[in-house]
Structure formats: structure tokens, C-alpha cells
Amino acid sequence: MLVLKLRMVGKKHQRTFRLVVAEKRSRPQNPGVEDLGWYNQHTNKFELKKERIQHWLSKGAQKTETVDKLFKRASITT
């Protein structure tokens, strides 16, 4: 099953996140199927590819709770 989830990147205490499409039970180090954007928790800035997100959600990909909260802030409807 494919899910939209956040993958950690960056140094210790300077983590940022990539929004990726990946298998639900894959390891966090796996690159995923496709990169859909980024999120910086320190500055609360993010950039998302809305068209590709809608595409994957229409194909049946699920989203995690954290990603759902991020979508609400970005006003992405599902």
C-alpha cells in the first residue's frame, strides 16, 4: 500500500522533511517512489507539488496523520 509520508533529512538538530510517496512499511532511509515537496519545522515553511499530490491521492494512496495536518495548513482538499 502506498502512503504519503514525511522522510527526515538533514543534520542532527537541523532536521527538515521531504514529502514522499512510499510503501507503508518501508524503512525511513528508502528514497520512496516520488518526491512531492519539503517541510522545515523550524521555520514552519513548506513547498508542496499540489498537482502530483492530487494525482497520487486519486490513485488510492493514503496519507499519514502528520501529512494530513500539513495539507490542512496548505489548504489541499482530498
N, C-alpha and C. Protein backbone atom coordinates (compact mmCIF):
# COMPACT_ATOMS: atom_id res chain seq x y z
N MET A 1 0.84 -1.16 0.00
CA MET A 1 0.00 0.00 0.00
C MET A 1 0.90 1.25 0.00
N LEU A 2 0.58 2.19 -0.85
CA LEU A 2 1.35 3.43 -0.93
C LEU A 2 0.77 4.48 0.01
N VAL A 3 1.65 5.23 0.64
CA VAL A 3 1.23 6.31 1.53
C VAL A 3 2.07 7.55 1.25
N LEU A 4 1.50 8.70 1.58
CA LEU A 4 2.24 9.95 1.55
C LEU A 4 2.75 10.18 2.96
N LYS A 5 4.08 10.26 3.11
CA LYS A 5 4.64 10.42 4.45
C LYS A 5 5.88 11.30 4.40
N LEU A 6 6.29 11.75 5.59
CA LEU A 6 7.44 12.61 5.70
C LEU A 6 8.69 11.77 5.96
N ARG A 7 9.78 12.12 5.26
CA ARG A 7 11.06 11.44 5.44
C ARG A 7 12.05 12.47 5.96
N MET A 8 12.75 12.15 7.05
CA MET A 8 13.70 13.09 7.65
C MET A 8 14.97 13.19 6.81
N VAL A 9 15.47 14.41 6.65
CA VAL A 9 16.76 14.65 6.01
C VAL A 9 17.45 15.75 6.80
N GLY A 10 18.75 15.88 6.65
CA GLY A 10 19.48 16.94 7.33
C GLY A 10 20.31 16.43 8.48
N LYS A 11 20.97 17.37 9.16
CA LYS A 11 21.84 17.04 10.28
C LYS A 11 21.05 16.94 11.58
N LYS A 12 21.71 16.43 12.59
CA LYS A 12 21.12 16.36 13.92
C LYS A 12 20.81 17.78 14.40
N HIS A 13 19.65 17.99 14.96
CA HIS A 13 19.14 19.27 15.45
C HIS A 13 18.86 20.27 14.34
N GLN A 14 18.96 19.85 13.08
CA GLN A 14 18.62 20.72 11.95
C GLN A 14 17.80 19.92 10.94
N ARG A 15 16.88 19.13 11.42
CA ARG A 15 16.10 18.25 10.56
C ARG A 15 15.12 19.03 9.70
N THR A 16 15.01 18.61 8.47
CA THR A 16 13.93 19.04 7.60
C THR A 16 13.30 17.76 7.07
N PHE A 17 12.18 17.90 6.40
CA PHE A 17 11.45 16.72 5.97
C PHE A 17 11.13 16.82 4.49
N ARG A 18 11.14 15.69 3.82
CA ARG A 18 10.69 15.56 2.44
C ARG A 18 9.36 14.82 2.45
N LEU A 19 8.42 15.30 1.66
CA LEU A 19 7.15 14.59 1.49
C LEU A 19 7.34 13.63 0.34
N VAL A 20 7.19 12.34 0.59
CA VAL A 20 7.42 11.32 -0.42
C VAL A 20 6.25 10.36 -0.49
N VAL A 21 6.14 9.70 -1.64
CA VAL A 21 5.22 8.58 -1.81
C VAL A 21 6.06 7.33 -1.63
N ALA A 22 5.69 6.48 -0.68
CA ALA A 22 6.47 5.29 -0.40
C ALA A 22 5.55 4.17 0.07
N GLU A 23 6.09 2.98 0.12
CA GLU A 23 5.36 1.86 0.69
C GLU A 23 5.14 2.11 2.18
N LYS A 24 4.02 1.67 2.70
CA LYS A 24 3.67 1.95 4.09
C LYS A 24 4.69 1.41 5.06
N ARG A 25 5.19 0.23 4.83
CA ARG A 25 6.10 -0.42 5.77
C ARG A 25 7.56 -0.30 5.36
N SER A 26 7.90 0.67 4.52
CA SER A 26 9.29 0.83 4.09
C SER A 26 10.11 1.53 5.17
N ARG A 27 11.40 1.36 5.11
CA ARG A 27 12.29 1.99 6.07
C ARG A 27 12.39 3.49 5.79
N PRO A 28 12.67 4.28 6.82
CA PRO A 28 12.76 5.73 6.62
C PRO A 28 13.89 6.16 5.68
N GLN A 29 14.92 5.34 5.52
CA GLN A 29 16.05 5.69 4.67
C GLN A 29 15.76 5.47 3.19
N ASN A 30 14.73 4.69 2.87
CA ASN A 30 14.41 4.42 1.47
C ASN A 30 13.96 5.71 0.79
N PRO A 31 14.37 5.89 -0.47
CA PRO A 31 14.07 7.16 -1.14
C PRO A 31 12.60 7.35 -1.48
N GLY A 32 11.84 6.30 -1.63
CA GLY A 32 10.43 6.45 -1.97
C GLY A 32 10.21 6.42 -3.47
N VAL A 33 8.96 6.48 -3.88
CA VAL A 33 8.60 6.41 -5.29
C VAL A 33 8.78 7.78 -5.95
N GLU A 34 8.30 8.83 -5.28
CA GLU A 34 8.37 10.18 -5.84
C GLU A 34 8.47 11.22 -4.73
N ASP A 35 9.24 12.27 -4.98
CA ASP A 35 9.38 13.38 -4.04
C ASP A 35 8.32 14.43 -4.37
N LEU A 36 7.50 14.81 -3.37
CA LEU A 36 6.39 15.72 -3.61
C LEU A 36 6.54 17.08 -2.94
N GLY A 37 7.63 17.33 -2.24
CA GLY A 37 7.82 18.62 -1.62
C GLY A 37 8.68 18.52 -0.38
N TRP A 38 8.76 19.63 0.37
CA TRP A 38 9.56 19.67 1.59
C TRP A 38 8.84 20.47 2.67
N TYR A 39 9.30 20.27 3.93
CA TYR A 39 8.75 20.97 5.09
C TYR A 39 9.87 21.22 6.08
N ASN A 40 10.01 22.46 6.53
CA ASN A 40 11.01 22.82 7.54
C ASN A 40 10.26 23.15 8.83
N GLN A 41 10.44 22.32 9.84
CA GLN A 41 9.69 22.51 11.09
C GLN A 41 10.21 23.68 11.91
N HIS A 42 11.44 24.12 11.69
CA HIS A 42 12.00 25.21 12.48
C HIS A 42 11.44 26.56 12.04
N THR A 43 11.22 26.72 10.74
CA THR A 43 10.70 27.98 10.22
C THR A 43 9.23 27.88 9.82
N ASN A 44 8.66 26.69 9.91
CA ASN A 44 7.27 26.41 9.53
C ASN A 44 7.00 26.78 8.06
N LYS A 45 8.00 26.62 7.20
CA LYS A 45 7.82 26.85 5.77
C LYS A 45 7.73 25.51 5.07
N PHE A 46 6.98 25.49 3.98
CA PHE A 46 6.86 24.27 3.21
C PHE A 46 6.57 24.62 1.76
N GLU A 47 6.85 23.67 0.89
CA GLU A 47 6.54 23.79 -0.53
C GLU A 47 6.08 22.42 -1.01
N LEU A 48 4.89 22.38 -1.59
CA LEU A 48 4.29 21.12 -2.00
C LEU A 48 3.87 21.18 -3.46
N LYS A 49 3.98 20.04 -4.15
CA LYS A 49 3.52 19.93 -5.53
C LYS A 49 2.06 19.46 -5.50
N LYS A 50 1.14 20.41 -5.54
CA LYS A 50 -0.28 20.10 -5.33
C LYS A 50 -0.85 19.20 -6.42
N GLU A 51 -0.44 19.39 -7.66
CA GLU A 51 -0.99 18.57 -8.75
C GLU A 51 -0.59 17.10 -8.58
N ARG A 52 0.68 16.87 -8.21
CA ARG A 52 1.14 15.49 -8.04
C ARG A 52 0.52 14.85 -6.80
N ILE A 53 0.28 15.65 -5.76
CA ILE A 53 -0.36 15.12 -4.56
C ILE A 53 -1.78 14.67 -4.90
N GLN A 54 -2.51 15.50 -5.64
CA GLN A 54 -3.87 15.13 -6.05
C GLN A 54 -3.84 13.87 -6.92
N HIS A 55 -2.83 13.75 -7.78
CA HIS A 55 -2.70 12.57 -8.64
C HIS A 55 -2.55 11.31 -7.80
N TRP A 56 -1.64 11.33 -6.82
CA TRP A 56 -1.41 10.14 -6.01
C TRP A 56 -2.60 9.81 -5.12
N LEU A 57 -3.28 10.82 -4.61
CA LEU A 57 -4.47 10.56 -3.79
C LEU A 57 -5.60 9.97 -4.63
N SER A 58 -5.70 10.40 -5.90
CA SER A 58 -6.72 9.83 -6.77
C SER A 58 -6.40 8.39 -7.15
N LYS A 59 -5.13 8.01 -7.11
CA LYS A 59 -4.72 6.63 -7.40
C LYS A 59 -4.90 5.71 -6.20
N GLY A 60 -5.29 6.27 -5.04
CA GLY A 60 -5.56 5.43 -3.88
C GLY A 60 -4.51 5.48 -2.80
N ALA A 61 -3.52 6.36 -2.91
CA ALA A 61 -2.51 6.47 -1.86
C ALA A 61 -3.14 7.10 -0.61
N GLN A 62 -2.75 6.59 0.54
CA GLN A 62 -3.24 7.11 1.82
C GLN A 62 -2.28 8.18 2.30
N LYS A 63 -2.63 8.88 3.38
CA LYS A 63 -1.75 9.89 3.97
C LYS A 63 -1.67 9.65 5.46
N THR A 64 -0.54 10.00 6.05
CA THR A 64 -0.39 9.86 7.49
C THR A 64 -1.09 11.03 8.19
N GLU A 65 -1.25 10.94 9.50
CA GLU A 65 -1.91 12.00 10.26
C GLU A 65 -1.14 13.31 10.17
N THR A 66 0.18 13.23 10.26
CA THR A 66 1.00 14.44 10.21
C THR A 66 0.90 15.10 8.84
N VAL A 67 0.91 14.31 7.80
CA VAL A 67 0.78 14.85 6.44
C VAL A 67 -0.61 15.46 6.25
N ASP A 68 -1.62 14.86 6.83
CA ASP A 68 -2.97 15.42 6.74
C ASP A 68 -3.04 16.80 7.39
N LYS A 69 -2.38 16.99 8.53
CA LYS A 69 -2.34 18.29 9.19
C LYS A 69 -1.61 19.32 8.32
N LEU A 70 -0.54 18.88 7.66
CA LEU A 70 0.20 19.76 6.76
C LEU A 70 -0.65 20.16 5.56
N PHE A 71 -1.45 19.23 5.05
CA PHE A 71 -2.35 19.53 3.93
C PHE A 71 -3.42 20.54 4.34
N LYS A 72 -3.90 20.44 5.55
CA LYS A 72 -4.89 21.41 6.02
C LYS A 72 -4.31 22.81 6.09
N ARG A 73 -3.04 22.92 6.53
CA ARG A 73 -2.39 24.23 6.54
C ARG A 73 -2.16 24.75 5.14
N ALA A 74 -1.93 23.86 4.18
CA ALA A 74 -1.69 24.27 2.79
C ALA A 74 -2.98 24.37 2.01
N SER A 75 -4.10 24.09 2.64
CA SER A 75 -5.44 24.10 2.04
C SER A 75 -5.54 23.19 0.82
N ILE A 76 -5.03 21.98 0.98
CA ILE A 76 -5.16 20.94 -0.05
C ILE A 76 -6.32 20.06 0.36
N THR A 77 -7.35 20.01 -0.46
CA THR A 77 -8.52 19.19 -0.14
C THR A 77 -8.34 17.81 -0.75
N THR A 78 -8.90 16.83 -0.08
CA THR A 78 -8.79 15.45 -0.56
C THR A 78 -10.14 14.86 -0.80
